Amino acid sequence: KELEKKEVLIKKSRNNYFQSFSRNFKFKLAISQ
């Protein structure tokens, strides 16, 4: 159970980082010169 709890915490932490990354960075295509 402790191992499962640790995996859940790691998953939540990773999701939080990706949400932060999504806020801080934009993905763009170079269309204009």
Full PDB file with SEQRES, HELIX, SHEET, SSBOND, CRYST1, ORIGX, SCALE, CONECT and MASTER records, all heavy atoms in Angstrom:
SEQRES   1 A   33  LYS GLU LEU GLU LYS LYS GLU VAL LEU ILE LYS LYS SER          
SEQRES   2 A   33  ARG ASN ASN TYR PHE GLN SER PHE SER ARG ASN PHE LYS          
SEQRES   3 A   33  PHE LYS LEU ALA ILE SER GLN                                  
HELIX    1 AA1 GLU A    2  ASN A   24  1                                  23    
CRYST1    1.000    1.000    1.000  90.00  90.00  90.00 P 1           1          
ORIGX1      1.000000  0.000000  0.000000        0.00000                         
ORIGX2      0.000000  1.000000  0.000000        0.00000                         
ORIGX3      0.000000  0.000000  1.000000        0.00000                         
SCALE1      1.000000  0.000000  0.000000        0.00000                         
SCALE2      0.000000  1.000000  0.000000        0.00000                         
SCALE3      0.000000  0.000000  1.000000        0.00000                         
ATOM      1  N   LYS A   1       0.824  -1.203   0.000  1.00  0.00           N  
ATOM      2  CA  LYS A   1       0.000   0.000   0.000  1.00  0.00           C  
ATOM      3  C   LYS A   1       0.861   1.257   0.000  1.00  0.00           C  
ATOM      4  O   LYS A   1       0.531   2.250  -0.644  1.00  0.00           O  
ATOM      5  CB  LYS A   1      -0.935  -0.007   1.202  1.00  0.00           C  
ATOM      6  CG  LYS A   1      -2.080  -1.007   1.083  1.00  0.00           C  
ATOM      7  CD  LYS A   1      -3.014  -0.900   2.267  1.00  0.00           C  
ATOM      8  CE  LYS A   1      -4.177  -1.884   2.113  1.00  0.00           C  
ATOM      9  NZ  LYS A   1      -5.102  -1.800   3.270  1.00  0.00           N  
ATOM     10  N   GLU A   2       1.979   1.204   0.729  1.00  0.00           N  
ATOM     11  CA  GLU A   2       2.888   2.348   0.768  1.00  0.00           C  
ATOM     12  C   GLU A   2       3.480   2.610  -0.610  1.00  0.00           C  
ATOM     13  O   GLU A   2       3.635   3.760  -1.019  1.00  0.00           O  
ATOM     14  CB  GLU A   2       4.009   2.087   1.783  1.00  0.00           C  
ATOM     15  CG  GLU A   2       3.572   2.128   3.227  1.00  0.00           C  
ATOM     16  CD  GLU A   2       3.024   3.501   3.612  1.00  0.00           C  
ATOM     17  OE1 GLU A   2       3.607   4.502   3.168  1.00  0.00           O  
ATOM     18  OE2 GLU A   2       2.014   3.556   4.326  1.00  0.00           O  
ATOM     19  N   LEU A   3       3.811   1.547  -1.332  1.00  0.00           N  
ATOM     20  CA  LEU A   3       4.354   1.681  -2.681  1.00  0.00           C  
ATOM     21  C   LEU A   3       3.323   2.295  -3.623  1.00  0.00           C  
ATOM     22  O   LEU A   3       3.644   3.162  -4.442  1.00  0.00           O  
ATOM     23  CB  LEU A   3       4.787   0.308  -3.203  1.00  0.00           C  
ATOM     24  CG  LEU A   3       5.444   0.273  -4.599  1.00  0.00           C  
ATOM     25  CD1 LEU A   3       6.700   1.137  -4.604  1.00  0.00           C  
ATOM     26  CD2 LEU A   3       5.769  -1.160  -4.998  1.00  0.00           C  
ATOM     27  N   GLU A   4       2.071   1.858  -3.495  1.00  0.00           N  
ATOM     28  CA  GLU A   4       0.995   2.400  -4.331  1.00  0.00           C  
ATOM     29  C   GLU A   4       0.779   3.882  -4.039  1.00  0.00           C  
ATOM     30  O   GLU A   4       0.554   4.679  -4.950  1.00  0.00           O  
ATOM     31  CB  GLU A   4      -0.297   1.618  -4.091  1.00  0.00           C  
ATOM     32  CG  GLU A   4      -0.261   0.199  -4.663  1.00  0.00           C  
ATOM     33  CD  GLU A   4      -1.507  -0.587  -4.323  1.00  0.00           C  
ATOM     34  OE1 GLU A   4      -2.346  -0.060  -3.550  1.00  0.00           O  
ATOM     35  OE2 GLU A   4      -1.648  -1.721  -4.818  1.00  0.00           O  
ATOM     36  N   LYS A   5       0.836   4.257  -2.740  1.00  0.00           N  
ATOM     37  CA  LYS A   5       0.694   5.657  -2.361  1.00  0.00           C  
ATOM     38  C   LYS A   5       1.810   6.499  -2.968  1.00  0.00           C  
ATOM     39  O   LYS A   5       1.593   7.613  -3.440  1.00  0.00           O  
ATOM     40  CB  LYS A   5       0.707   5.796  -0.841  1.00  0.00           C  
ATOM     41  CG  LYS A   5      -0.565   5.332  -0.158  1.00  0.00           C  
ATOM     42  CD  LYS A   5      -0.457   5.517   1.349  1.00  0.00           C  
ATOM     43  CE  LYS A   5      -1.724   5.045   2.047  1.00  0.00           C  
ATOM     44  NZ  LYS A   5      -1.602   5.208   3.519  1.00  0.00           N  
ATOM     45  N   LYS A   6       3.032   5.951  -2.939  1.00  0.00           N  
ATOM     46  CA  LYS A   6       4.188   6.662  -3.490  1.00  0.00           C  
ATOM     47  C   LYS A   6       4.018   6.883  -4.987  1.00  0.00           C  
ATOM     48  O   LYS A   6       4.308   7.957  -5.513  1.00  0.00           O  
ATOM     49  CB  LYS A   6       5.469   5.865  -3.227  1.00  0.00           C  
ATOM     50  CG  LYS A   6       6.734   6.599  -3.606  1.00  0.00           C  
ATOM     51  CD  LYS A   6       7.967   5.805  -3.224  1.00  0.00           C  
ATOM     52  CE  LYS A   6       9.242   6.556  -3.598  1.00  0.00           C  
ATOM     53  NZ  LYS A   6      10.452   5.769  -3.222  1.00  0.00           N  
ATOM     54  N   GLU A   7       3.518   5.860  -5.708  1.00  0.00           N  
ATOM     55  CA  GLU A   7       3.304   5.976  -7.153  1.00  0.00           C  
ATOM     56  C   GLU A   7       2.246   7.032  -7.472  1.00  0.00           C  
ATOM     57  O   GLU A   7       2.367   7.780  -8.440  1.00  0.00           O  
ATOM     58  CB  GLU A   7       2.901   4.616  -7.725  1.00  0.00           C  
ATOM     59  CG  GLU A   7       4.045   3.609  -7.752  1.00  0.00           C  
ATOM     60  CD  GLU A   7       3.597   2.254  -8.261  1.00  0.00           C  
ATOM     61  OE1 GLU A   7       2.365   2.047  -8.409  1.00  0.00           O  
ATOM     62  OE2 GLU A   7       4.470   1.408  -8.506  1.00  0.00           O  
ATOM     63  N   VAL A   8       1.193   7.085  -6.632  1.00  0.00           N  
ATOM     64  CA  VAL A   8       0.136   8.089  -6.823  1.00  0.00           C  
ATOM     65  C   VAL A   8       0.694   9.490  -6.621  1.00  0.00           C  
ATOM     66  O   VAL A   8       0.398  10.416  -7.394  1.00  0.00           O  
ATOM     67  CB  VAL A   8      -1.041   7.838  -5.849  1.00  0.00           C  
ATOM     68  CG1 VAL A   8      -2.011   9.019  -5.861  1.00  0.00           C  
ATOM     69  CG2 VAL A   8      -1.765   6.565  -6.225  1.00  0.00           C  
ATOM     70  N   LEU A   9       1.527   9.665  -5.602  1.00  0.00           N  
ATOM     71  CA  LEU A   9       2.135  10.969  -5.323  1.00  0.00           C  
ATOM     72  C   LEU A   9       3.053  11.403  -6.459  1.00  0.00           C  
ATOM     73  O   LEU A   9       3.078  12.569  -6.853  1.00  0.00           O  
ATOM     74  CB  LEU A   9       2.914  10.924  -4.003  1.00  0.00           C  
ATOM     75  CG  LEU A   9       2.068  10.857  -2.723  1.00  0.00           C  
ATOM     76  CD1 LEU A   9       2.967  10.633  -1.505  1.00  0.00           C  
ATOM     77  CD2 LEU A   9       1.257  12.140  -2.552  1.00  0.00           C  
ATOM     78  N   ILE A  10       3.828  10.448  -6.977  1.00  0.00           N  
ATOM     79  CA  ILE A  10       4.734  10.750  -8.102  1.00  0.00           C  
ATOM     80  C   ILE A  10       3.923  11.175  -9.323  1.00  0.00           C  
ATOM     81  O   ILE A  10       4.265  12.139 -10.023  1.00  0.00           O  
ATOM     82  CB  ILE A  10       5.604   9.522  -8.438  1.00  0.00           C  
ATOM     83  CG1 ILE A  10       6.623   9.281  -7.309  1.00  0.00           C  
ATOM     84  CG2 ILE A  10       6.333   9.728  -9.764  1.00  0.00           C  
ATOM     85  CD1 ILE A  10       7.399   7.996  -7.473  1.00  0.00           C  
ATOM     86  N   LYS A  11       2.808  10.466  -9.587  1.00  0.00           N  
ATOM     87  CA  LYS A  11       1.947  10.787 -10.734  1.00  0.00           C  
ATOM     88  C   LYS A  11       1.346  12.177 -10.582  1.00  0.00           C  
ATOM     89  O   LYS A  11       1.306  12.964 -11.536  1.00  0.00           O  
ATOM     90  CB  LYS A  11       0.853   9.742 -10.862  1.00  0.00           C  
ATOM     91  CG  LYS A  11       0.003   9.897 -12.121  1.00  0.00           C  
ATOM     92  CD  LYS A  11      -0.995   8.769 -12.249  1.00  0.00           C  
ATOM     93  CE  LYS A  11      -1.826   8.944 -13.514  1.00  0.00           C  
ATOM     94  NZ  LYS A  11      -2.807   7.836 -13.667  1.00  0.00           N  
ATOM     95  N   LYS A  12       0.858  12.505  -9.371  1.00  0.00           N  
ATOM     96  CA  LYS A  12       0.288  13.826  -9.128  1.00  0.00           C  
ATOM     97  C   LYS A  12       1.334  14.912  -9.309  1.00  0.00           C  
ATOM     98  O   LYS A  12       1.056  15.966  -9.889  1.00  0.00           O  
ATOM     99  CB  LYS A  12      -0.287  13.881  -7.711  1.00  0.00           C  
ATOM    100  CG  LYS A  12      -1.612  13.154  -7.544  1.00  0.00           C  
ATOM    101  CD  LYS A  12      -2.154  13.325  -6.137  1.00  0.00           C  
ATOM    102  CE  LYS A  12      -3.512  12.634  -5.988  1.00  0.00           C  
ATOM    103  NZ  LYS A  12      -4.033  12.783  -4.602  1.00  0.00           N  
ATOM    104  N   SER A  13       2.545  14.662  -8.796  1.00  0.00           N  
ATOM    105  CA  SER A  13       3.628  15.639  -8.915  1.00  0.00           C  
ATOM    106  C   SER A  13       3.963  15.891 -10.376  1.00  0.00           C  
ATOM    107  O   SER A  13       4.138  17.035 -10.806  1.00  0.00           O  
ATOM    108  CB  SER A  13       4.864  15.140  -8.165  1.00  0.00           C  
ATOM    109  OG  SER A  13       5.949  15.999  -8.355  1.00  0.00           O  
ATOM    110  N   ARG A  14       4.025  14.806 -11.174  1.00  0.00           N  
ATOM    111  CA  ARG A  14       4.337  14.924 -12.598  1.00  0.00           C  
ATOM    112  C   ARG A  14       3.248  15.699 -13.331  1.00  0.00           C  
ATOM    113  O   ARG A  14       3.521  16.555 -14.172  1.00  0.00           O  
ATOM    114  CB  ARG A  14       4.498  13.525 -13.197  1.00  0.00           C  
ATOM    115  CG  ARG A  14       5.024  13.518 -14.630  1.00  0.00           C  
ATOM    116  CD  ARG A  14       5.174  12.104 -15.118  1.00  0.00           C  
ATOM    117  NE  ARG A  14       6.210  11.393 -14.409  1.00  0.00           N  
ATOM    118  CZ  ARG A  14       6.346  10.063 -14.417  1.00  0.00           C  
ATOM    119  NH1 ARG A  14       5.481   9.320 -15.086  1.00  0.00           N  
ATOM    120  NH2 ARG A  14       7.320   9.486 -13.763  1.00  0.00           N  
ATOM    121  N   ASN A  15       1.993  15.413 -13.001  1.00  0.00           N  
ATOM    122  CA  ASN A  15       0.874  16.128 -13.628  1.00  0.00           C  
ATOM    123  C   ASN A  15       0.918  17.614 -13.307  1.00  0.00           C  
ATOM    124  O   ASN A  15       0.625  18.458 -14.160  1.00  0.00           O  
ATOM    125  CB  ASN A  15      -0.453  15.528 -13.165  1.00  0.00           C  
ATOM    126  CG  ASN A  15      -0.731  14.177 -13.800  1.00  0.00           C  
ATOM    127  OD1 ASN A  15      -0.174  13.851 -14.842  1.00  0.00           O  
ATOM    128  ND2 ASN A  15      -1.572  13.380 -13.164  1.00  0.00           N  
ATOM    129  N   ASN A  16       1.286  17.949 -12.066  1.00  0.00           N  
ATOM    130  CA  ASN A  16       1.402  19.353 -11.667  1.00  0.00           C  
ATOM    131  C   ASN A  16       2.485  20.061 -12.472  1.00  0.00           C  
ATOM    132  O   ASN A  16       2.317  21.213 -12.880  1.00  0.00           O  
ATOM    133  CB  ASN A  16       1.698  19.464 -10.175  1.00  0.00           C  
ATOM    134  CG  ASN A  16       0.494  19.100  -9.317  1.00  0.00           C  
ATOM    135  OD1 ASN A  16      -0.647  19.176  -9.773  1.00  0.00           O  
ATOM    136  ND2 ASN A  16       0.735  18.683  -8.086  1.00  0.00           N  
ATOM    137  N   TYR A  17       3.613  19.354 -12.680  1.00  0.00           N  
ATOM    138  CA  TYR A  17       4.694  19.949 -13.458  1.00  0.00           C  
ATOM    139  C   TYR A  17       4.264  20.196 -14.898  1.00  0.00           C  
ATOM    140  O   TYR A  17       4.568  21.239 -15.482  1.00  0.00           O  
ATOM    141  CB  TYR A  17       5.935  19.048 -13.435  1.00  0.00           C  
ATOM    142  CG  TYR A  17       6.834  19.281 -12.249  1.00  0.00           C  
ATOM    143  CD1 TYR A  17       7.099  18.272 -11.336  1.00  0.00           C  
ATOM    144  CD2 TYR A  17       7.424  20.527 -12.039  1.00  0.00           C  
ATOM    145  CE1 TYR A  17       7.927  18.486 -10.244  1.00  0.00           C  
ATOM    146  CE2 TYR A  17       8.258  20.754 -10.951  1.00  0.00           C  
ATOM    147  CZ  TYR A  17       8.500  19.729 -10.057  1.00  0.00           C  
ATOM    148  OH  TYR A  17       9.322  19.943  -8.980  1.00  0.00           O  
ATOM    149  N   PHE A  18       3.549  19.237 -15.500  1.00  0.00           N  
ATOM    150  CA  PHE A  18       3.113  19.397 -16.879  1.00  0.00           C  
ATOM    151  C   PHE A  18       2.087  20.525 -17.004  1.00  0.00           C  
ATOM    152  O   PHE A  18       2.060  21.234 -18.000  1.00  0.00           O  
ATOM    153  CB  PHE A  18       2.542  18.077 -17.411  1.00  0.00           C  
ATOM    154  CG  PHE A  18       3.587  17.037 -17.686  1.00  0.00           C  
ATOM    155  CD1 PHE A  18       3.361  15.709 -17.386  1.00  0.00           C  
ATOM    156  CD2 PHE A  18       4.806  17.382 -18.246  1.00  0.00           C  
ATOM    157  CE1 PHE A  18       4.325  14.750 -17.636  1.00  0.00           C  
ATOM    158  CE2 PHE A  18       5.782  16.436 -18.498  1.00  0.00           C  
ATOM    159  CZ  PHE A  18       5.545  15.108 -18.188  1.00  0.00           C  
ATOM    160  N   GLN A  19       1.242  20.692 -15.991  1.00  0.00           N  
ATOM    161  CA  GLN A  19       0.286  21.803 -15.999  1.00  0.00           C  
ATOM    162  C   GLN A  19       1.027  23.131 -15.928  1.00  0.00           C  
ATOM    163  O   GLN A  19       0.673  24.094 -16.610  1.00  0.00           O  
ATOM    164  CB  GLN A  19      -0.679  21.650 -14.823  1.00  0.00           C  
ATOM    165  CG  GLN A  19      -1.684  20.526 -14.990  1.00  0.00           C  
ATOM    166  CD  GLN A  19      -2.515  20.297 -13.743  1.00  0.00           C  
ATOM    167  OE1 GLN A  19      -2.457  21.069 -12.798  1.00  0.00           O  
ATOM    168  NE2 GLN A  19      -3.289  19.220 -13.738  1.00  0.00           N  
ATOM    169  N   SER A  20       2.061  23.182 -15.098  1.00  0.00           N  
ATOM    170  CA  SER A  20       2.885  24.388 -14.996  1.00  0.00           C  
ATOM    171  C   SER A  20       3.594  24.661 -16.320  1.00  0.00           C  
ATOM    172  O   SER A  20       3.648  25.801 -16.795  1.00  0.00           O  
ATOM    173  CB  SER A  20       3.910  24.223 -13.871  1.00  0.00           C  
ATOM    174  OG  SER A  20       4.824  25.297 -13.853  1.00  0.00           O  
ATOM    175  N   PHE A  21       4.128  23.594 -16.932  1.00  0.00           N  
ATOM    176  CA  PHE A  21       4.808  23.721 -18.222  1.00  0.00           C  
ATOM    177  C   PHE A  21       3.850  24.273 -19.277  1.00  0.00           C  
ATOM    178  O   PHE A  21       4.223  25.135 -20.079  1.00  0.00           O  
ATOM    179  CB  PHE A  21       5.353  22.358 -18.639  1.00  0.00           C  
ATOM    180  CG  PHE A  21       6.101  22.356 -19.944  1.00  0.00           C  
ATOM    181  CD1 PHE A  21       7.414  22.762 -20.005  1.00  0.00           C  
ATOM    182  CD2 PHE A  21       5.482  21.966 -21.121  1.00  0.00           C  
ATOM    183  CE1 PHE A  21       8.119  22.768 -21.212  1.00  0.00           C  
ATOM    184  CE2 PHE A  21       6.156  21.960 -22.320  1.00  0.00           C  
ATOM    185  CZ  PHE A  21       7.480  22.364 -22.355  1.00  0.00           C  
ATOM    186  N   SER A  22       2.620  23.787 -19.277  1.00  0.00           N  
ATOM    187  CA  SER A  22       1.617  24.241 -20.245  1.00  0.00           C  
ATOM    188  C   SER A  22       1.320  25.727 -20.091  1.00  0.00           C  
ATOM    189  O   SER A  22       1.052  26.420 -21.071  1.00  0.00           O  
ATOM    190  CB  SER A  22       0.321  23.443 -20.086  1.00  0.00           C  
ATOM    191  OG  SER A  22       0.523  22.089 -20.406  1.00  0.00           O  
ATOM    192  N   ARG A  23       1.341  26.207 -18.859  1.00  0.00           N  
ATOM    193  CA  ARG A  23       1.090  27.632 -18.620  1.00  0.00           C  
ATOM    194  C   ARG A  23       2.268  28.498 -19.046  1.00  0.00           C  
ATOM    195  O   ARG A  23       2.083  29.626 -19.525  1.00  0.00           O  
ATOM    196  CB  ARG A  23       0.792  27.873 -17.132  1.00  0.00           C  
ATOM    197  CG  ARG A  23      -0.548  27.340 -16.652  1.00  0.00           C  
ATOM    198  CD  ARG A  23      -0.888  27.869 -15.266  1.00  0.00           C  
ATOM    199  NE  ARG A  23       0.119  27.483 -14.276  1.00  0.00           N  
ATOM    200  CZ  ARG A  23       0.056  26.375 -13.548  1.00  0.00           C  
ATOM    201  NH1 ARG A  23      -0.974  25.549 -13.695  1.00  0.00           N  
ATOM    202  NH2 ARG A  23       0.998  26.091 -12.658  1.00  0.00           N  
ATOM    203  N   ASN A  24       3.468  27.979 -18.879  1.00  0.00           N  
ATOM    204  CA  ASN A  24       4.671  28.793 -19.083  1.00  0.00           C  
ATOM    205  C   ASN A  24       5.215  28.778 -20.508  1.00  0.00           C  
ATOM    206  O   ASN A  24       6.062  29.615 -20.844  1.00  0.00           O  
ATOM    207  CB  ASN A  24       5.771  28.353 -18.117  1.00  0.00           C  
ATOM    208  CG  ASN A  24       5.477  28.766 -16.688  1.00  0.00           C  
ATOM    209  OD1 ASN A  24       4.898  29.822 -16.445  1.00  0.00           O  
ATOM    210  ND2 ASN A  24       5.863  27.931 -15.726  1.00  0.00           N  
ATOM    211  N   PHE A  25       4.752  27.833 -21.341  1.00  0.00           N  
ATOM    212  CA  PHE A  25       5.304  27.731 -22.690  1.00  0.00           C  
ATOM    213  C   PHE A  25       4.200  27.570 -23.738  1.00  0.00           C  
ATOM    214  O   PHE A  25       3.184  26.929 -23.496  1.00  0.00           O  
ATOM    215  CB  PHE A  25       6.285  26.547 -22.786  1.00  0.00           C  
ATOM    216  CG  PHE A  25       7.541  26.758 -21.998  1.00  0.00           C  
ATOM    217  CD1 PHE A  25       7.659  26.250 -20.717  1.00  0.00           C  
ATOM    218  CD2 PHE A  25       8.599  27.481 -22.526  1.00  0.00           C  
ATOM    219  CE1 PHE A  25       8.810  26.452 -19.967  1.00  0.00           C  
ATOM    220  CE2 PHE A  25       9.749  27.691 -21.798  1.00  0.00           C  
ATOM    221  CZ  PHE A  25       9.861  27.173 -20.514  1.00  0.00           C  
ATOM    222  N   LYS A  26       4.450  28.177 -24.909  1.00  0.00           N  
ATOM    223  CA  LYS A  26       3.532  28.084 -26.037  1.00  0.00           C  
ATOM    224  C   LYS A  26       4.209  27.329 -27.177  1.00  0.00           C  
ATOM    225  O   LYS A  26       5.415  27.483 -27.401  1.00  0.00           O  
ATOM    226  CB  LYS A  26       3.143  29.489 -26.531  1.00  0.00           C  
ATOM    227  CG  LYS A  26       2.388  30.334 -25.521  1.00  0.00           C  
ATOM    228  CD  LYS A  26       2.091  31.702 -26.104  1.00  0.00           C  
ATOM    229  CE  LYS A  26       1.338  32.592 -25.124  1.00  0.00           C  
ATOM    230  NZ  LYS A  26       1.076  33.930 -25.697  1.00  0.00           N  
ATOM    231  N   PHE A  27       3.425  26.539 -27.899  1.00  0.00           N  
ATOM    232  CA  PHE A  27       3.935  25.796 -29.051  1.00  0.00           C  
ATOM    233  C   PHE A  27       3.484  26.502 -30.324  1.00  0.00           C  
ATOM    234  O   PHE A  27       2.295  26.746 -30.524  1.00  0.00           O  
ATOM    235  CB  PHE A  27       3.424  24.356 -29.014  1.00  0.00           C  
ATOM    236  CG  PHE A  27       4.073  23.537 -27.945  1.00  0.00           C  
ATOM    237  CD1 PHE A  27       3.663  23.652 -26.617  1.00  0.00           C  
ATOM    238  CD2 PHE A  27       5.114  22.672 -28.253  1.00  0.00           C  
ATOM    239  CE1 PHE A  27       4.277  22.918 -25.624  1.00  0.00           C  
ATOM    240  CE2 PHE A  27       5.727  21.927 -27.258  1.00  0.00           C  
ATOM    241  CZ  PHE A  27       5.311  22.047 -25.938  1.00  0.00           C  
ATOM    242  N   LYS A  28       4.451  26.808 -31.178  1.00  0.00           N  
ATOM    243  CA  LYS A  28       4.147  27.600 -32.368  1.00  0.00           C  
ATOM    244  C   LYS A  28       4.817  27.022 -33.605  1.00  0.00           C  
ATOM    245  O   LYS A  28       5.859  26.369 -33.523  1.00  0.00           O  
ATOM    246  CB  LYS A  28       4.616  29.051 -32.175  1.00  0.00           C  
ATOM    247  CG  LYS A  28       3.859  29.814 -31.095  1.00  0.00           C  
ATOM    248  CD  LYS A  28       4.260  31.280 -31.088  1.00  0.00           C  
ATOM    249  CE  LYS A  28       3.395  32.103 -30.154  1.00  0.00           C  
ATOM    250  NZ  LYS A  28       3.718  33.540 -30.214  1.00  0.00           N  
ATOM    251  N   LEU A  29       4.214  27.303 -34.766  1.00  0.00           N  
ATOM    252  CA  LEU A  29       4.823  26.993 -36.047  1.00  0.00           C  
ATOM    253  C   LEU A  29       5.369  28.280 -36.646  1.00  0.00           C  
ATOM    254  O   LEU A  29       4.747  29.338 -36.516  1.00  0.00           O  
ATOM    255  CB  LEU A  29       3.803  26.372 -36.998  1.00  0.00           C  
ATOM    256  CG  LEU A  29       3.181  25.043 -36.570  1.00  0.00           C  
ATOM    257  CD1 LEU A  29       2.267  24.513 -37.676  1.00  0.00           C  
ATOM    258  CD2 LEU A  29       4.240  24.014 -36.212  1.00  0.00           C  
ATOM    259  N   ALA A  30       6.510  28.169 -37.283  1.00  0.00           N  
ATOM    260  CA  ALA A  30       7.110  29.334 -37.938  1.00  0.00           C  
ATOM    261  C   ALA A  30       6.450  29.498 -39.302  1.00  0.00           C  
ATOM    262  O   ALA A  30       6.792  28.796 -40.260  1.00  0.00           O  
ATOM    263  CB  ALA A  30       8.620  29.153 -38.077  1.00  0.00           C  
ATOM    264  N   ILE A  31       5.510  30.401 -39.372  1.00  0.00           N  
ATOM    265  CA  ILE A  31       4.772  30.649 -40.611  1.00  0.00           C  
ATOM    266  C   ILE A  31       5.306  31.904 -41.315  1.00  0.00           C  
ATOM    267  O   ILE A  31       5.542  31.899 -42.516  1.00  0.00           O  
ATOM    268  CB  ILE A  31       3.267  30.795 -40.317  1.00  0.00           C  
ATOM    269  CG1 ILE A  31       2.735  29.492 -39.687  1.00  0.00           C  
ATOM    270  CG2 ILE A  31       2.490  31.123 -41.597  1.00  0.00           C  
ATOM    271  CD1 ILE A  31       1.306  29.564 -39.213  1.00  0.00           C  
ATOM    272  N   SER A  32       5.511  32.958 -40.556  1.00  0.00           N  
ATOM    273  CA  SER A  32       6.055  34.206 -41.125  1.00  0.00           C  
ATOM    274  C   SER A  32       7.565  34.090 -41.276  1.00  0.00           C  
ATOM    275  O   SER A  32       8.217  33.275 -40.610  1.00  0.00           O  
ATOM    276  CB  SER A  32       5.716  35.382 -40.214  1.00  0.00           C  
ATOM    277  OG  SER A  32       6.429  35.285 -38.975  1.00  0.00           O  
ATOM    278  N   GLN A  33       8.138  34.913 -42.149  1.00  0.00           N  
ATOM    279  CA  GLN A  33       9.595  34.912 -42.319  1.00  0.00           C  
ATOM    280  C   GLN A  33      10.286  35.362 -41.038  1.00  0.00           C  
ATOM    281  O   GLN A  33      11.375  34.874 -40.707  1.00  0.00           O  
ATOM    282  CB  GLN A  33       9.996  35.835 -43.471  1.00  0.00           C  
ATOM    283  CG  GLN A  33      11.461  35.695 -43.884  1.00  0.00           C  
ATOM    284  CD  GLN A  33      11.812  34.280 -44.312  1.00  0.00           C  
ATOM    285  OE1 GLN A  33      11.123  33.673 -45.137  1.00  0.00           O  
ATOM    286  NE2 GLN A  33      12.889  33.731 -43.749  1.00  0.00           N  
TER     287      GLN A  33                                                      
MASTER        0    0    0    1    0    0    0    6  286    1    0    3          
END                                                                             
